[in-house]
Amino acid sequence: MNPALWNELGAILQLEKNWPEALQAYEQGESNAGLFQGPDRKRVNPLLTRALRGQGYVLIETGDLKKAEKLYKRCLKLDPDDALAQK
C-alpha cells in the first residue's frame, strides 16, 4: 500500500521501458497517496505528485499526449512550483 514503493517500482519499470506495468505501478501510487497524507492536507503531497508525473511520462512515451497533459496540469494545480511538471 505504500505509495513511495509503488512510485519506485514505476520508476524501475520505466527504465526498463515496460510502459504498461510502469503505468499500473504509478496508478497504485496515486490511489494510495492519500493514505500517507499528513493531518495538514493543505500541504502538497509529494507522493501524489510523483505518481502523477510518472504516469504523465509513461503516457508521453506511449503517445497519449492529451492524457499526459491533463496529469501534468493536475500536478501544477496541486503544486504550482513543481519544476518537473512545468517542463
N, C-alpha and C. Protein backbone atom coordinates (compact mmCIF):
# COMPACT_ATOMS: atom_id res chain seq x y z
N MET A 1 0.81 -1.19 0.00
CA MET A 1 0.00 0.00 0.00
C MET A 1 0.85 1.26 0.00
N ASN A 2 2.11 1.17 0.31
CA ASN A 2 2.97 2.35 0.42
C ASN A 2 3.20 2.97 -0.96
N PRO A 3 2.72 4.20 -1.17
CA PRO A 3 2.85 4.83 -2.49
C PRO A 3 4.30 5.08 -2.89
N ALA A 4 5.18 5.30 -1.92
CA ALA A 4 6.59 5.52 -2.26
C ALA A 4 7.16 4.28 -2.94
N LEU A 5 6.79 3.11 -2.46
CA LEU A 5 7.28 1.87 -3.07
C LEU A 5 6.68 1.67 -4.46
N TRP A 6 5.42 1.99 -4.62
CA TRP A 6 4.79 1.88 -5.95
C TRP A 6 5.46 2.84 -6.93
N ASN A 7 5.76 4.05 -6.47
CA ASN A 7 6.42 5.02 -7.34
C ASN A 7 7.82 4.55 -7.72
N GLU A 8 8.54 3.95 -6.77
CA GLU A 8 9.87 3.41 -7.07
C GLU A 8 9.78 2.27 -8.07
N LEU A 9 8.81 1.40 -7.89
CA LEU A 9 8.61 0.31 -8.84
C LEU A 9 8.29 0.87 -10.22
N GLY A 10 7.44 1.88 -10.26
CA GLY A 10 7.12 2.52 -11.53
C GLY A 10 8.36 3.07 -12.21
N ALA A 11 9.25 3.68 -11.44
CA ALA A 11 10.49 4.23 -11.99
C ALA A 11 11.39 3.13 -12.55
N ILE A 12 11.47 2.02 -11.85
CA ILE A 12 12.28 0.90 -12.34
C ILE A 12 11.70 0.35 -13.64
N LEU A 13 10.40 0.14 -13.65
CA LEU A 13 9.74 -0.37 -14.85
C LEU A 13 9.86 0.62 -16.01
N GLN A 14 9.84 1.89 -15.68
CA GLN A 14 10.01 2.94 -16.68
C GLN A 14 11.40 2.82 -17.32
N LEU A 15 12.42 2.61 -16.50
CA LEU A 15 13.78 2.44 -17.02
C LEU A 15 13.87 1.23 -17.95
N GLU A 16 13.07 0.22 -17.64
CA GLU A 16 13.05 -0.99 -18.47
C GLU A 16 12.14 -0.83 -19.69
N LYS A 17 11.51 0.34 -19.80
CA LYS A 17 10.56 0.64 -20.87
C LYS A 17 9.37 -0.33 -20.89
N ASN A 18 9.03 -0.79 -19.71
CA ASN A 18 7.86 -1.64 -19.54
C ASN A 18 6.68 -0.72 -19.22
N TRP A 19 6.18 -0.06 -20.25
CA TRP A 19 5.20 1.02 -20.09
C TRP A 19 3.90 0.58 -19.41
N PRO A 20 3.30 -0.54 -19.81
CA PRO A 20 2.02 -0.90 -19.16
C PRO A 20 2.15 -1.13 -17.66
N GLU A 21 3.19 -1.85 -17.26
CA GLU A 21 3.35 -2.13 -15.83
C GLU A 21 3.82 -0.89 -15.07
N ALA A 22 4.61 -0.04 -15.70
CA ALA A 22 5.02 1.20 -15.06
C ALA A 22 3.80 2.07 -14.78
N LEU A 23 2.92 2.16 -15.76
CA LEU A 23 1.70 2.95 -15.59
C LEU A 23 0.86 2.40 -14.44
N GLN A 24 0.73 1.08 -14.38
CA GLN A 24 -0.05 0.46 -13.30
C GLN A 24 0.58 0.76 -11.93
N ALA A 25 1.89 0.70 -11.85
CA ALA A 25 2.56 0.98 -10.58
C ALA A 25 2.32 2.42 -10.15
N TYR A 26 2.46 3.35 -11.08
CA TYR A 26 2.22 4.75 -10.75
C TYR A 26 0.75 5.00 -10.37
N GLU A 27 -0.16 4.30 -11.02
CA GLU A 27 -1.57 4.44 -10.67
C GLU A 27 -1.83 3.94 -9.26
N GLN A 28 -1.16 2.85 -8.87
CA GLN A 28 -1.28 2.36 -7.49
C GLN A 28 -0.71 3.39 -6.52
N GLY A 29 0.41 3.99 -6.90
CA GLY A 29 0.98 5.04 -6.06
C GLY A 29 0.01 6.19 -5.87
N GLU A 30 -0.65 6.57 -6.95
CA GLU A 30 -1.65 7.65 -6.87
C GLU A 30 -2.80 7.27 -5.96
N SER A 31 -3.33 6.07 -6.14
CA SER A 31 -4.51 5.68 -5.37
C SER A 31 -4.22 5.53 -3.88
N ASN A 32 -2.97 5.23 -3.53
CA ASN A 32 -2.63 5.06 -2.12
C ASN A 32 -2.00 6.30 -1.48
N ALA A 33 -1.72 7.31 -2.27
CA ALA A 33 -1.04 8.50 -1.75
C ALA A 33 -1.84 9.20 -0.65
N GLY A 34 -3.14 9.19 -0.76
CA GLY A 34 -3.97 9.84 0.24
C GLY A 34 -3.87 9.20 1.61
N LEU A 35 -3.52 7.92 1.65
CA LEU A 35 -3.38 7.23 2.92
C LEU A 35 -2.18 7.72 3.72
N PHE A 36 -1.23 8.33 3.02
CA PHE A 36 0.01 8.77 3.66
C PHE A 36 0.10 10.29 3.73
N GLN A 37 -1.02 10.95 3.55
CA GLN A 37 -1.08 12.40 3.67
C GLN A 37 -1.09 12.75 5.15
N GLY A 38 -0.33 13.74 5.51
CA GLY A 38 -0.30 14.17 6.90
C GLY A 38 -1.61 14.83 7.30
N PRO A 39 -1.76 15.17 8.57
CA PRO A 39 -3.00 15.79 9.04
C PRO A 39 -3.25 17.17 8.42
N ASP A 40 -2.18 17.84 7.99
CA ASP A 40 -2.33 19.15 7.34
C ASP A 40 -2.49 18.94 5.84
N ARG A 41 -3.69 18.76 5.40
CA ARG A 41 -3.95 18.44 3.99
C ARG A 41 -3.73 19.63 3.06
N LYS A 42 -3.36 20.78 3.61
CA LYS A 42 -3.10 21.94 2.77
C LYS A 42 -1.73 21.85 2.11
N ARG A 43 -0.84 21.03 2.66
CA ARG A 43 0.48 20.86 2.08
C ARG A 43 0.42 19.97 0.86
N VAL A 44 1.39 20.13 0.01
CA VAL A 44 1.48 19.31 -1.19
C VAL A 44 1.88 17.90 -0.78
N ASN A 45 1.23 16.92 -1.36
CA ASN A 45 1.57 15.53 -1.11
C ASN A 45 2.56 15.10 -2.20
N PRO A 46 3.86 15.04 -1.89
CA PRO A 46 4.85 14.71 -2.91
C PRO A 46 4.70 13.30 -3.47
N LEU A 47 4.11 12.41 -2.70
CA LEU A 47 3.88 11.05 -3.20
C LEU A 47 2.85 11.07 -4.32
N LEU A 48 1.84 11.90 -4.17
CA LEU A 48 0.82 12.02 -5.20
C LEU A 48 1.37 12.69 -6.45
N THR A 49 2.07 13.80 -6.29
CA THR A 49 2.59 14.48 -7.48
C THR A 49 3.62 13.62 -8.20
N ARG A 50 4.40 12.84 -7.47
CA ARG A 50 5.37 11.94 -8.11
C ARG A 50 4.64 10.89 -8.94
N ALA A 51 3.57 10.33 -8.40
CA ALA A 51 2.80 9.32 -9.13
C ALA A 51 2.17 9.92 -10.39
N LEU A 52 1.67 11.14 -10.29
CA LEU A 52 1.06 11.79 -11.45
C LEU A 52 2.09 12.10 -12.53
N ARG A 53 3.25 12.59 -12.12
CA ARG A 53 4.32 12.87 -13.10
C ARG A 53 4.79 11.59 -13.76
N GLY A 54 4.89 10.53 -12.98
CA GLY A 54 5.30 9.24 -13.55
C GLY A 54 4.32 8.76 -14.60
N GLN A 55 3.05 8.87 -14.29
CA GLN A 55 2.02 8.49 -15.27
C GLN A 55 2.13 9.36 -16.52
N GLY A 56 2.33 10.65 -16.30
CA GLY A 56 2.45 11.56 -17.44
C GLY A 56 3.61 11.19 -18.34
N TYR A 57 4.73 10.85 -17.75
CA TYR A 57 5.91 10.46 -18.54
C TYR A 57 5.60 9.22 -19.37
N VAL A 58 5.01 8.22 -18.73
CA VAL A 58 4.67 6.98 -19.45
C VAL A 58 3.71 7.28 -20.59
N LEU A 59 2.74 8.11 -20.35
CA LEU A 59 1.76 8.44 -21.39
C LEU A 59 2.41 9.19 -22.55
N ILE A 60 3.37 10.03 -22.27
CA ILE A 60 4.11 10.69 -23.36
C ILE A 60 4.85 9.66 -24.18
N GLU A 61 5.51 8.75 -23.50
CA GLU A 61 6.28 7.72 -24.20
C GLU A 61 5.40 6.80 -25.04
N THR A 62 4.16 6.64 -24.63
CA THR A 62 3.25 5.77 -25.39
C THR A 62 2.37 6.56 -26.36
N GLY A 63 2.59 7.87 -26.43
CA GLY A 63 1.90 8.69 -27.42
C GLY A 63 0.57 9.26 -27.02
N ASP A 64 0.17 9.13 -25.78
CA ASP A 64 -1.11 9.68 -25.33
C ASP A 64 -0.87 11.05 -24.70
N LEU A 65 -0.61 12.02 -25.55
CA LEU A 65 -0.20 13.35 -25.10
C LEU A 65 -1.30 14.11 -24.38
N LYS A 66 -2.54 13.93 -24.79
CA LYS A 66 -3.64 14.66 -24.15
C LYS A 66 -3.82 14.24 -22.69
N LYS A 67 -3.79 12.93 -22.45
CA LYS A 67 -3.91 12.45 -21.07
C LYS A 67 -2.71 12.89 -20.24
N ALA A 68 -1.53 12.85 -20.84
CA ALA A 68 -0.32 13.27 -20.14
C ALA A 68 -0.43 14.74 -19.74
N GLU A 69 -0.89 15.56 -20.66
CA GLU A 69 -1.03 16.98 -20.37
C GLU A 69 -1.98 17.22 -19.20
N LYS A 70 -3.07 16.47 -19.15
CA LYS A 70 -4.03 16.62 -18.05
C LYS A 70 -3.38 16.27 -16.71
N LEU A 71 -2.57 15.23 -16.71
CA LEU A 71 -1.91 14.84 -15.46
C LEU A 71 -0.90 15.89 -15.01
N TYR A 72 -0.13 16.42 -15.95
CA TYR A 72 0.83 17.46 -15.58
C TYR A 72 0.13 18.72 -15.10
N LYS A 73 -0.99 19.06 -15.71
CA LYS A 73 -1.75 20.23 -15.25
C LYS A 73 -2.32 19.99 -13.86
N ARG A 74 -2.71 18.75 -13.60
CA ARG A 74 -3.20 18.41 -12.26
C ARG A 74 -2.08 18.58 -11.24
N CYS A 75 -0.87 18.17 -11.59
CA CYS A 75 0.29 18.37 -10.71
C CYS A 75 0.48 19.85 -10.41
N LEU A 76 0.41 20.66 -11.45
CA LEU A 76 0.62 22.09 -11.27
C LEU A 76 -0.49 22.75 -10.46
N LYS A 77 -1.68 22.19 -10.54
CA LYS A 77 -2.77 22.71 -9.72
C LYS A 77 -2.50 22.40 -8.24
N LEU A 78 -1.94 21.21 -7.99
CA LEU A 78 -1.61 20.82 -6.62
C LEU A 78 -0.38 21.57 -6.11
N ASP A 79 0.58 21.79 -7.01
CA ASP A 79 1.84 22.45 -6.64
C ASP A 79 2.33 23.30 -7.81
N PRO A 80 1.95 24.58 -7.84
CA PRO A 80 2.35 25.45 -8.95
C PRO A 80 3.86 25.58 -9.11
N ASP A 81 4.63 25.27 -8.07
CA ASP A 81 6.08 25.38 -8.13
C ASP A 81 6.78 24.08 -8.55
N ASP A 82 6.01 23.09 -8.96
CA ASP A 82 6.58 21.79 -9.35
C ASP A 82 7.37 21.96 -10.66
N ALA A 83 8.67 22.06 -10.53
CA ALA A 83 9.54 22.33 -11.69
C ALA A 83 9.48 21.20 -12.71
N LEU A 84 9.37 19.97 -12.25
CA LEU A 84 9.32 18.84 -13.20
C LEU A 84 8.03 18.86 -14.01
N ALA A 85 6.93 19.17 -13.38
CA ALA A 85 5.66 19.24 -14.10
C ALA A 85 5.64 20.44 -15.05
N GLN A 86 6.33 21.53 -14.68
CA GLN A 86 6.37 22.70 -15.54
C GLN A 86 7.07 22.41 -16.85
N LYS A 87 8.07 21.53 -16.81
CA LYS A 87 8.81 21.20 -18.04
C LYS A 87 7.93 20.44 -18.98
